[in-house]
Amino acid sequence: MKELVEVIAKSLVDNPEEVVVSEKEDAKSIVVELRVAPSDMGKVIGKQGRIAKAIRAVVKAAASKIDKKVIVDIVDVD
């Protein structure tokens, strides 16, 4: 899942070298954290969160094969 989110995010942003994706896994779920440059945050979230919802939908579809819940968090870098 980490690689999928990374490929999608890098294709959306202006600074792909600043995309950082981390993954935490437990018995029932996987949490994927996405960090991008502050200037690219709007591109990853989109108007009214549409791009973020689309990313989550693609990851959810890919996760259906592994029978685990996948949560995609877009983390604000301060």
PDB file of N, CA and C in Angstrom:
ATOM      1  N   MET A   1       0.818  -1.193   0.000  1.00  0.00           N
ATOM      2  CA  MET A   1       0.000   0.000   0.000  1.00  0.00           C
ATOM      3  C   MET A   1       0.863   1.258   0.000  1.00  0.00           C
ATOM      4  N   LYS A   2       1.988   1.182   0.697  1.00  0.00           N
ATOM      5  CA  LYS A   2       2.882   2.328   0.782  1.00  0.00           C
ATOM      6  C   LYS A   2       3.339   2.771  -0.601  1.00  0.00           C
ATOM      7  N   GLU A   3       3.714   1.814  -1.430  1.00  0.00           N
ATOM      8  CA  GLU A   3       4.215   2.132  -2.759  1.00  0.00           C
ATOM      9  C   GLU A   3       3.120   2.753  -3.625  1.00  0.00           C
ATOM     10  N   LEU A   4       1.903   2.252  -3.499  1.00  0.00           N
ATOM     11  CA  LEU A   4       0.780   2.781  -4.270  1.00  0.00           C
ATOM     12  C   LEU A   4       0.517   4.239  -3.925  1.00  0.00           C
ATOM     13  N   VAL A   5       0.454   4.557  -2.647  1.00  0.00           N
ATOM     14  CA  VAL A   5       0.215   5.937  -2.209  1.00  0.00           C
ATOM     15  C   VAL A   5       1.361   6.837  -2.660  1.00  0.00           C
ATOM     16  N   GLU A   6       2.581   6.332  -2.576  1.00  0.00           N
ATOM     17  CA  GLU A   6       3.749   7.121  -2.974  1.00  0.00           C
ATOM     18  C   GLU A   6       3.709   7.461  -4.464  1.00  0.00           C
ATOM     19  N   VAL A   7       3.383   6.504  -5.306  1.00  0.00           N
ATOM     20  CA  VAL A   7       3.314   6.743  -6.752  1.00  0.00           C
ATOM     21  C   VAL A   7       2.227   7.761  -7.082  1.00  0.00           C
ATOM     22  N   ILE A   8       1.068   7.622  -6.466  1.00  0.00           N
ATOM     23  CA  ILE A   8      -0.035   8.551  -6.718  1.00  0.00           C
ATOM     24  C   ILE A   8       0.347   9.958  -6.270  1.00  0.00           C
ATOM     25  N   ALA A   9       0.897  10.085  -5.067  1.00  0.00           N
ATOM     26  CA  ALA A   9       1.237  11.397  -4.527  1.00  0.00           C
ATOM     27  C   ALA A   9       2.330  12.081  -5.349  1.00  0.00           C
ATOM     28  N   LYS A  10       3.348  11.333  -5.732  1.00  0.00           N
ATOM     29  CA  LYS A  10       4.443  11.930  -6.506  1.00  0.00           C
ATOM     30  C   LYS A  10       3.976  12.425  -7.869  1.00  0.00           C
ATOM     31  N   SER A  11       2.949  11.790  -8.424  1.00  0.00           N
ATOM     32  CA  SER A  11       2.447  12.238  -9.715  1.00  0.00           C
ATOM     33  C   SER A  11       1.591  13.500  -9.592  1.00  0.00           C
ATOM     34  N   LEU A  12       1.111  13.806  -8.398  1.00  0.00           N
ATOM     35  CA  LEU A  12       0.239  14.963  -8.203  1.00  0.00           C
ATOM     36  C   LEU A  12       0.980  16.253  -7.837  1.00  0.00           C
ATOM     37  N   VAL A  13       2.105  16.151  -7.146  1.00  0.00           N
ATOM     38  CA  VAL A  13       2.739  17.318  -6.543  1.00  0.00           C
ATOM     39  C   VAL A  13       3.809  17.944  -7.433  1.00  0.00           C
ATOM     40  N   ASP A  14       4.199  19.180  -7.075  1.00  0.00           N
ATOM     41  CA  ASP A  14       5.275  19.879  -7.780  1.00  0.00           C
ATOM     42  C   ASP A  14       6.648  19.480  -7.252  1.00  0.00           C
ATOM     43  N   ASN A  15       6.722  19.047  -5.995  1.00  0.00           N
ATOM     44  CA  ASN A  15       7.990  18.657  -5.361  1.00  0.00           C
ATOM     45  C   ASN A  15       7.945  17.177  -4.983  1.00  0.00           C
ATOM     46  N   PRO A  16       8.111  16.275  -5.950  1.00  0.00           N
ATOM     47  CA  PRO A  16       7.993  14.846  -5.621  1.00  0.00           C
ATOM     48  C   PRO A  16       9.090  14.335  -4.694  1.00  0.00           C
ATOM     49  N   GLU A  17      10.214  15.041  -4.622  1.00  0.00           N
ATOM     50  CA  GLU A  17      11.286  14.601  -3.726  1.00  0.00           C
ATOM     51  C   GLU A  17      10.931  14.821  -2.257  1.00  0.00           C
ATOM     52  N   GLU A  18       9.925  15.626  -1.976  1.00  0.00           N
ATOM     53  CA  GLU A  18       9.514  15.883  -0.593  1.00  0.00           C
ATOM     54  C   GLU A  18       8.360  14.997  -0.135  1.00  0.00           C
ATOM     55  N   VAL A  19       7.932  14.072  -0.953  1.00  0.00           N
ATOM     56  CA  VAL A  19       6.859  13.144  -0.573  1.00  0.00           C
ATOM     57  C   VAL A  19       7.451  12.062   0.328  1.00  0.00           C
ATOM     58  N   VAL A  20       6.860  11.904   1.512  1.00  0.00           N
ATOM     59  CA  VAL A  20       7.294  10.876   2.457  1.00  0.00           C
ATOM     60  C   VAL A  20       6.072  10.055   2.848  1.00  0.00           C
ATOM     61  N   VAL A  21       6.189   8.744   2.670  1.00  0.00           N
ATOM     62  CA  VAL A  21       5.083   7.842   3.017  1.00  0.00           C
ATOM     63  C   VAL A  21       5.593   6.837   4.029  1.00  0.00           C
ATOM     64  N   SER A  22       4.874   6.713   5.144  1.00  0.00           N
ATOM     65  CA  SER A  22       5.235   5.712   6.143  1.00  0.00           C
ATOM     66  C   SER A  22       4.027   4.813   6.381  1.00  0.00           C
ATOM     67  N   GLU A  23       4.324   3.595   6.840  1.00  0.00           N
ATOM     68  CA  GLU A  23       3.271   2.596   7.002  1.00  0.00           C
ATOM     69  C   GLU A  23       3.399   1.924   8.365  1.00  0.00           C
ATOM     70  N   LYS A  24       2.281   1.846   9.083  1.00  0.00           N
ATOM     71  CA  LYS A  24       2.238   1.143  10.364  1.00  0.00           C
ATOM     72  C   LYS A  24       1.173   0.064  10.258  1.00  0.00           C
ATOM     73  N   GLU A  25       1.523  -1.131  10.693  1.00  0.00           N
ATOM     74  CA  GLU A  25       0.610  -2.262  10.530  1.00  0.00           C
ATOM     75  C   GLU A  25       0.373  -2.957  11.859  1.00  0.00           C
ATOM     76  N   ASP A  26      -0.884  -3.324  12.105  1.00  0.00           N
ATOM     77  CA  ASP A  26      -1.197  -4.184  13.242  1.00  0.00           C
ATOM     78  C   ASP A  26      -2.054  -5.344  12.732  1.00  0.00           C
ATOM     79  N   ALA A  27      -2.675  -6.067  13.621  1.00  0.00           N
ATOM     80  CA  ALA A  27      -3.374  -7.294  13.240  1.00  0.00           C
ATOM     81  C   ALA A  27      -4.539  -7.049  12.283  1.00  0.00           C
ATOM     82  N   LYS A  28      -5.275  -5.956  12.471  1.00  0.00           N
ATOM     83  CA  LYS A  28      -6.479  -5.745  11.685  1.00  0.00           C
ATOM     84  C   LYS A  28      -6.386  -4.628  10.656  1.00  0.00           C
ATOM     85  N   SER A  29      -5.425  -3.733  10.802  1.00  0.00           N
ATOM     86  CA  SER A  29      -5.415  -2.585   9.911  1.00  0.00           C
ATOM     87  C   SER A  29      -3.997  -2.126   9.566  1.00  0.00           C
ATOM     88  N   ILE A  30      -3.927  -1.311   8.533  1.00  0.00           N
ATOM     89  CA  ILE A  30      -2.685  -0.685   8.099  1.00  0.00           C
ATOM     90  C   ILE A  30      -2.950   0.819   8.033  1.00  0.00           C
ATOM     91  N   VAL A  31      -2.072   1.611   8.647  1.00  0.00           N
ATOM     92  CA  VAL A  31      -2.177   3.061   8.593  1.00  0.00           C
ATOM     93  C   VAL A  31      -1.051   3.574   7.707  1.00  0.00           C
ATOM     94  N   VAL A  32      -1.425   4.269   6.651  1.00  0.00           N
ATOM     95  CA  VAL A  32      -0.452   4.849   5.731  1.00  0.00           C
ATOM     96  C   VAL A  32      -0.480   6.354   5.942  1.00  0.00           C
ATOM     97  N   GLU A  33       0.672   6.917   6.331  1.00  0.00           N
ATOM     98  CA  GLU A  33       0.775   8.363   6.546  1.00  0.00           C
ATOM     99  C   GLU A  33       1.489   8.990   5.369  1.00  0.00           C
ATOM    100  N   LEU A  34       0.883  10.037   4.814  1.00  0.00           N
ATOM    101  CA  LEU A  34       1.423  10.745   3.669  1.00  0.00           C
ATOM    102  C   LEU A  34       1.806  12.150   4.093  1.00  0.00           C
ATOM    103  N   ARG A  35       3.054  12.515   3.829  1.00  0.00           N
ATOM    104  CA  ARG A  35       3.534  13.867   4.107  1.00  0.00           C
ATOM    105  C   ARG A  35       4.039  14.469   2.802  1.00  0.00           C
ATOM    106  N   VAL A  36       3.611  15.700   2.521  1.00  0.00           N
ATOM    107  CA  VAL A  36       4.073  16.423   1.339  1.00  0.00           C
ATOM    108  C   VAL A  36       4.502  17.818   1.762  1.00  0.00           C
ATOM    109  N   ALA A  37       5.138  18.531   0.835  1.00  0.00           N
ATOM    110  CA  ALA A  37       5.540  19.915   1.115  1.00  0.00           C
ATOM    111  C   ALA A  37       4.288  20.755   1.369  1.00  0.00           C
ATOM    112  N   PRO A  38       4.392  21.750   2.245  1.00  0.00           N
ATOM    113  CA  PRO A  38       3.211  22.584   2.541  1.00  0.00           C
ATOM    114  C   PRO A  38       2.590  23.219   1.294  1.00  0.00           C
ATOM    115  N   SER A  39       3.404  23.564   0.313  1.00  0.00           N
ATOM    116  CA  SER A  39       2.872  24.167  -0.906  1.00  0.00           C
ATOM    117  C   SER A  39       2.095  23.164  -1.763  1.00  0.00           C
ATOM    118  N   ASP A  40       2.315  21.874  -1.546  1.00  0.00           N
ATOM    119  CA  ASP A  40       1.635  20.838  -2.319  1.00  0.00           C
ATOM    120  C   ASP A  40       0.427  20.243  -1.599  1.00  0.00           C
ATOM    121  N   MET A  41       0.149  20.695  -0.404  1.00  0.00           N
ATOM    122  CA  MET A  41      -0.937  20.114   0.387  1.00  0.00           C
ATOM    123  C   MET A  41      -2.282  20.239  -0.338  1.00  0.00           C
ATOM    124  N   GLY A  42      -2.532  21.365  -0.955  1.00  0.00           N
ATOM    125  CA  GLY A  42      -3.794  21.567  -1.666  1.00  0.00           C
ATOM    126  C   GLY A  42      -3.951  20.646  -2.857  1.00  0.00           C
ATOM    127  N   LYS A  43      -2.851  20.330  -3.504  1.00  0.00           N
ATOM    128  CA  LYS A  43      -2.902  19.439  -4.668  1.00  0.00           C
ATOM    129  C   LYS A  43      -3.243  18.008  -4.261  1.00  0.00           C
ATOM    130  N   VAL A  44      -2.811  17.605  -3.084  1.00  0.00           N
ATOM    131  CA  VAL A  44      -3.075  16.243  -2.614  1.00  0.00           C
ATOM    132  C   VAL A  44      -4.489  16.127  -2.042  1.00  0.00           C
ATOM    133  N   ILE A  45      -4.971  17.192  -1.425  1.00  0.00           N
ATOM    134  CA  ILE A  45      -6.307  17.158  -0.832  1.00  0.00           C
ATOM    135  C   ILE A  45      -7.379  17.458  -1.880  1.00  0.00           C
ATOM    136  N   GLY A  46      -7.155  18.474  -2.700  1.00  0.00           N
ATOM    137  CA  GLY A  46      -8.107  18.828  -3.746  1.00  0.00           C
ATOM    138  C   GLY A  46      -9.272  19.644  -3.221  1.00  0.00           C
ATOM    139  N   LYS A  47     -10.078  20.134  -4.145  1.00  0.00           N
ATOM    140  CA  LYS A  47     -11.245  20.926  -3.761  1.00  0.00           C
ATOM    141  C   LYS A  47     -12.237  20.039  -3.029  1.00  0.00           C
ATOM    142  N   GLN A  48     -12.640  20.476  -1.865  1.00  0.00           N
ATOM    143  CA  GLN A  48     -13.580  19.762  -1.000  1.00  0.00           C
ATOM    144  C   GLN A  48     -13.119  18.332  -0.705  1.00  0.00           C
ATOM    145  N   GLY A  49     -11.800  18.102  -0.759  1.00  0.00           N
ATOM    146  CA  GLY A  49     -11.250  16.802  -0.404  1.00  0.00           C
ATOM    147  C   GLY A  49     -11.461  15.712  -1.448  1.00  0.00           C
ATOM    148  N   ARG A  50     -11.764  16.097  -2.675  1.00  0.00           N
ATOM    149  CA  ARG A  50     -12.079  15.099  -3.700  1.00  0.00           C
ATOM    150  C   ARG A  50     -10.891  14.225  -4.061  1.00  0.00           C
ATOM    151  N   ILE A  51      -9.706  14.809  -4.174  1.00  0.00           N
ATOM    152  CA  ILE A  51      -8.528  14.008  -4.534  1.00  0.00           C
ATOM    153  C   ILE A  51      -8.162  13.077  -3.386  1.00  0.00           C
ATOM    154  N   ALA A  52      -8.238  13.573  -2.157  1.00  0.00           N
ATOM    155  CA  ALA A  52      -7.958  12.726  -0.997  1.00  0.00           C
ATOM    156  C   ALA A  52      -8.933  11.549  -0.944  1.00  0.00           C
ATOM    157  N   LYS A  53     -10.206  11.803  -1.224  1.00  0.00           N
ATOM    158  CA  LYS A  53     -11.202  10.725  -1.244  1.00  0.00           C
ATOM    159  C   LYS A  53     -10.884   9.717  -2.342  1.00  0.00           C
ATOM    160  N   ALA A  54     -10.427  10.211  -3.494  1.00  0.00           N
ATOM    161  CA  ALA A  54     -10.091   9.318  -4.604  1.00  0.00           C
ATOM    162  C   ALA A  54      -8.890   8.447  -4.256  1.00  0.00           C
ATOM    163  N   ILE A  55      -7.889   9.039  -3.609  1.00  0.00           N
ATOM    164  CA  ILE A  55      -6.716   8.260  -3.185  1.00  0.00           C
ATOM    165  C   ILE A  55      -7.153   7.164  -2.217  1.00  0.00           C
ATOM    166  N   ARG A  56      -7.993   7.527  -1.260  1.00  0.00           N
ATOM    167  CA  ARG A  56      -8.472   6.545  -0.289  1.00  0.00           C
ATOM    168  C   ARG A  56      -9.285   5.447  -0.960  1.00  0.00           C
ATOM    169  N   ALA A  57     -10.077   5.791  -1.985  1.00  0.00           N
ATOM    170  CA  ALA A  57     -10.885   4.791  -2.685  1.00  0.00           C
ATOM    171  C   ALA A  57     -10.005   3.801  -3.447  1.00  0.00           C
ATOM    172  N   VAL A  58      -8.962   4.306  -4.088  1.00  0.00           N
ATOM    173  CA  VAL A  58      -8.052   3.422  -4.824  1.00  0.00           C
ATOM    174  C   VAL A  58      -7.332   2.484  -3.865  1.00  0.00           C
ATOM    175  N   VAL A  59      -6.868   3.017  -2.741  1.00  0.00           N
ATOM    176  CA  VAL A  59      -6.166   2.198  -1.754  1.00  0.00           C
ATOM    177  C   VAL A  59      -7.116   1.166  -1.142  1.00  0.00           C
ATOM    178  N   LYS A  60      -8.352   1.575  -0.891  1.00  0.00           N
ATOM    179  CA  LYS A  60      -9.335   0.634  -0.342  1.00  0.00           C
ATOM    180  C   LYS A  60      -9.601  -0.504  -1.311  1.00  0.00           C
ATOM    181  N   ALA A  61      -9.677  -0.198  -2.589  1.00  0.00           N
ATOM    182  CA  ALA A  61      -9.892  -1.237  -3.596  1.00  0.00           C
ATOM    183  C   ALA A  61      -8.704  -2.189  -3.656  1.00  0.00           C
ATOM    184  N   ALA A  62      -7.500  -1.649  -3.574  1.00  0.00           N
ATOM    185  CA  ALA A  62      -6.303  -2.492  -3.590  1.00  0.00           C
ATOM    186  C   ALA A  62      -6.207  -3.329  -2.323  1.00  0.00           C
ATOM    187  N   ALA A  63      -6.712  -2.806  -1.211  1.00  0.00           N
ATOM    188  CA  ALA A  63      -6.631  -3.510   0.069  1.00  0.00           C
ATOM    189  C   ALA A  63      -7.655  -4.626   0.184  1.00  0.00           C
ATOM    190  N   SER A  64      -8.622  -4.655  -0.689  1.00  0.00           N
ATOM    191  CA  SER A  64      -9.643  -5.702  -0.603  1.00  0.00           C
ATOM    192  C   SER A  64      -9.045  -7.097  -0.805  1.00  0.00           C
ATOM    193  N   LYS A  65      -7.903  -7.168  -1.452  1.00  0.00           N
ATOM    194  CA  LYS A  65      -7.239  -8.456  -1.669  1.00  0.00           C
ATOM    195  C   LYS A  65      -6.599  -9.008  -0.402  1.00  0.00           C
ATOM    196  N   ILE A  66      -6.208  -8.127   0.524  1.00  0.00           N
ATOM    197  CA  ILE A  66      -5.466  -8.580   1.707  1.00  0.00           C
ATOM    198  C   ILE A  66      -6.322  -8.679   2.967  1.00  0.00           C
ATOM    199  N   ASP A  67      -7.603  -8.359   2.865  1.00  0.00           N
ATOM    200  CA  ASP A  67      -8.541  -8.459   3.995  1.00  0.00           C
ATOM    201  C   ASP A  67      -8.097  -7.684   5.230  1.00  0.00           C
ATOM    202  N   LYS A  68      -7.577  -6.482   5.014  1.00  0.00           N
ATOM    203  CA  LYS A  68      -7.247  -5.589   6.124  1.00  0.00           C
ATOM    204  C   LYS A  68      -7.801  -4.211   5.814  1.00  0.00           C
ATOM    205  N   LYS A  69      -8.131  -3.482   6.864  1.00  0.00           N
ATOM    206  CA  LYS A  69      -8.599  -2.119   6.697  1.00  0.00           C
ATOM    207  C   LYS A  69      -7.383  -1.218   6.513  1.00  0.00           C
ATOM    208  N   VAL A  70      -7.410  -0.375   5.510  1.00  0.00           N
ATOM    209  CA  VAL A  70      -6.305   0.546   5.256  1.00  0.00           C
ATOM    210  C   VAL A  70      -6.797   1.974   5.458  1.00  0.00           C
ATOM    211  N   ILE A  71      -6.062   2.712   6.287  1.00  0.00           N
ATOM    212  CA  ILE A  71      -6.402   4.101   6.589  1.00  0.00           C
ATOM    213  C   ILE A  71      -5.294   4.976   6.011  1.00  0.00           C
ATOM    214  N   VAL A  72      -5.674   5.953   5.184  1.00  0.00           N
ATOM    215  CA  VAL A  72      -4.697   6.881   4.614  1.00  0.00           C
ATOM    216  C   VAL A  72      -4.836   8.211   5.338  1.00  0.00           C
ATOM    217  N   ASP A  73      -3.776   8.618   6.022  1.00  0.00           N
ATOM    218  CA  ASP A  73      -3.743   9.905   6.723  1.00  0.00           C
ATOM    219  C   ASP A  73      -2.831  10.844   5.965  1.00  0.00           C
ATOM    220  N   ILE A  74      -3.348  12.035   5.663  1.00  0.00           N
ATOM    221  CA  ILE A  74      -2.526  13.075   5.065  1.00  0.00           C
ATOM    222  C   ILE A  74      -2.107  13.983   6.210  1.00  0.00           C
ATOM    223  N   VAL A  75      -0.808  13.962   6.530  1.00  0.00           N
ATOM    224  CA  VAL A  75      -0.297  14.621   7.716  1.00  0.00           C
ATOM    225  C   VAL A  75       0.229  15.999   7.353  1.00  0.00           C
ATOM    226  N   ASP A  76      -0.157  16.988   8.120  1.00  0.00           N
ATOM    227  CA  ASP A  76       0.321  18.357   7.933  1.00  0.00           C
ATOM    228  C   ASP A  76       1.698  18.499   8.554  1.00  0.00           C
ATOM    229  N   VAL A  77       2.663  18.964   7.784  1.00  0.00           N
ATOM    230  CA  VAL A  77       4.029  19.151   8.267  1.00  0.00           C
ATOM    231  C   VAL A  77       4.164  20.585   8.750  1.00  0.00           C
ATOM    232  N   ASP A  78       4.467  20.751  10.030  1.00  0.00           N
ATOM    233  CA  ASP A  78       4.626  22.107  10.578  1.00  0.00           C
ATOM    234  C   ASP A  78       6.077  22.442  10.781  1.00  0.00           C
TER     235      ASP A  78
END
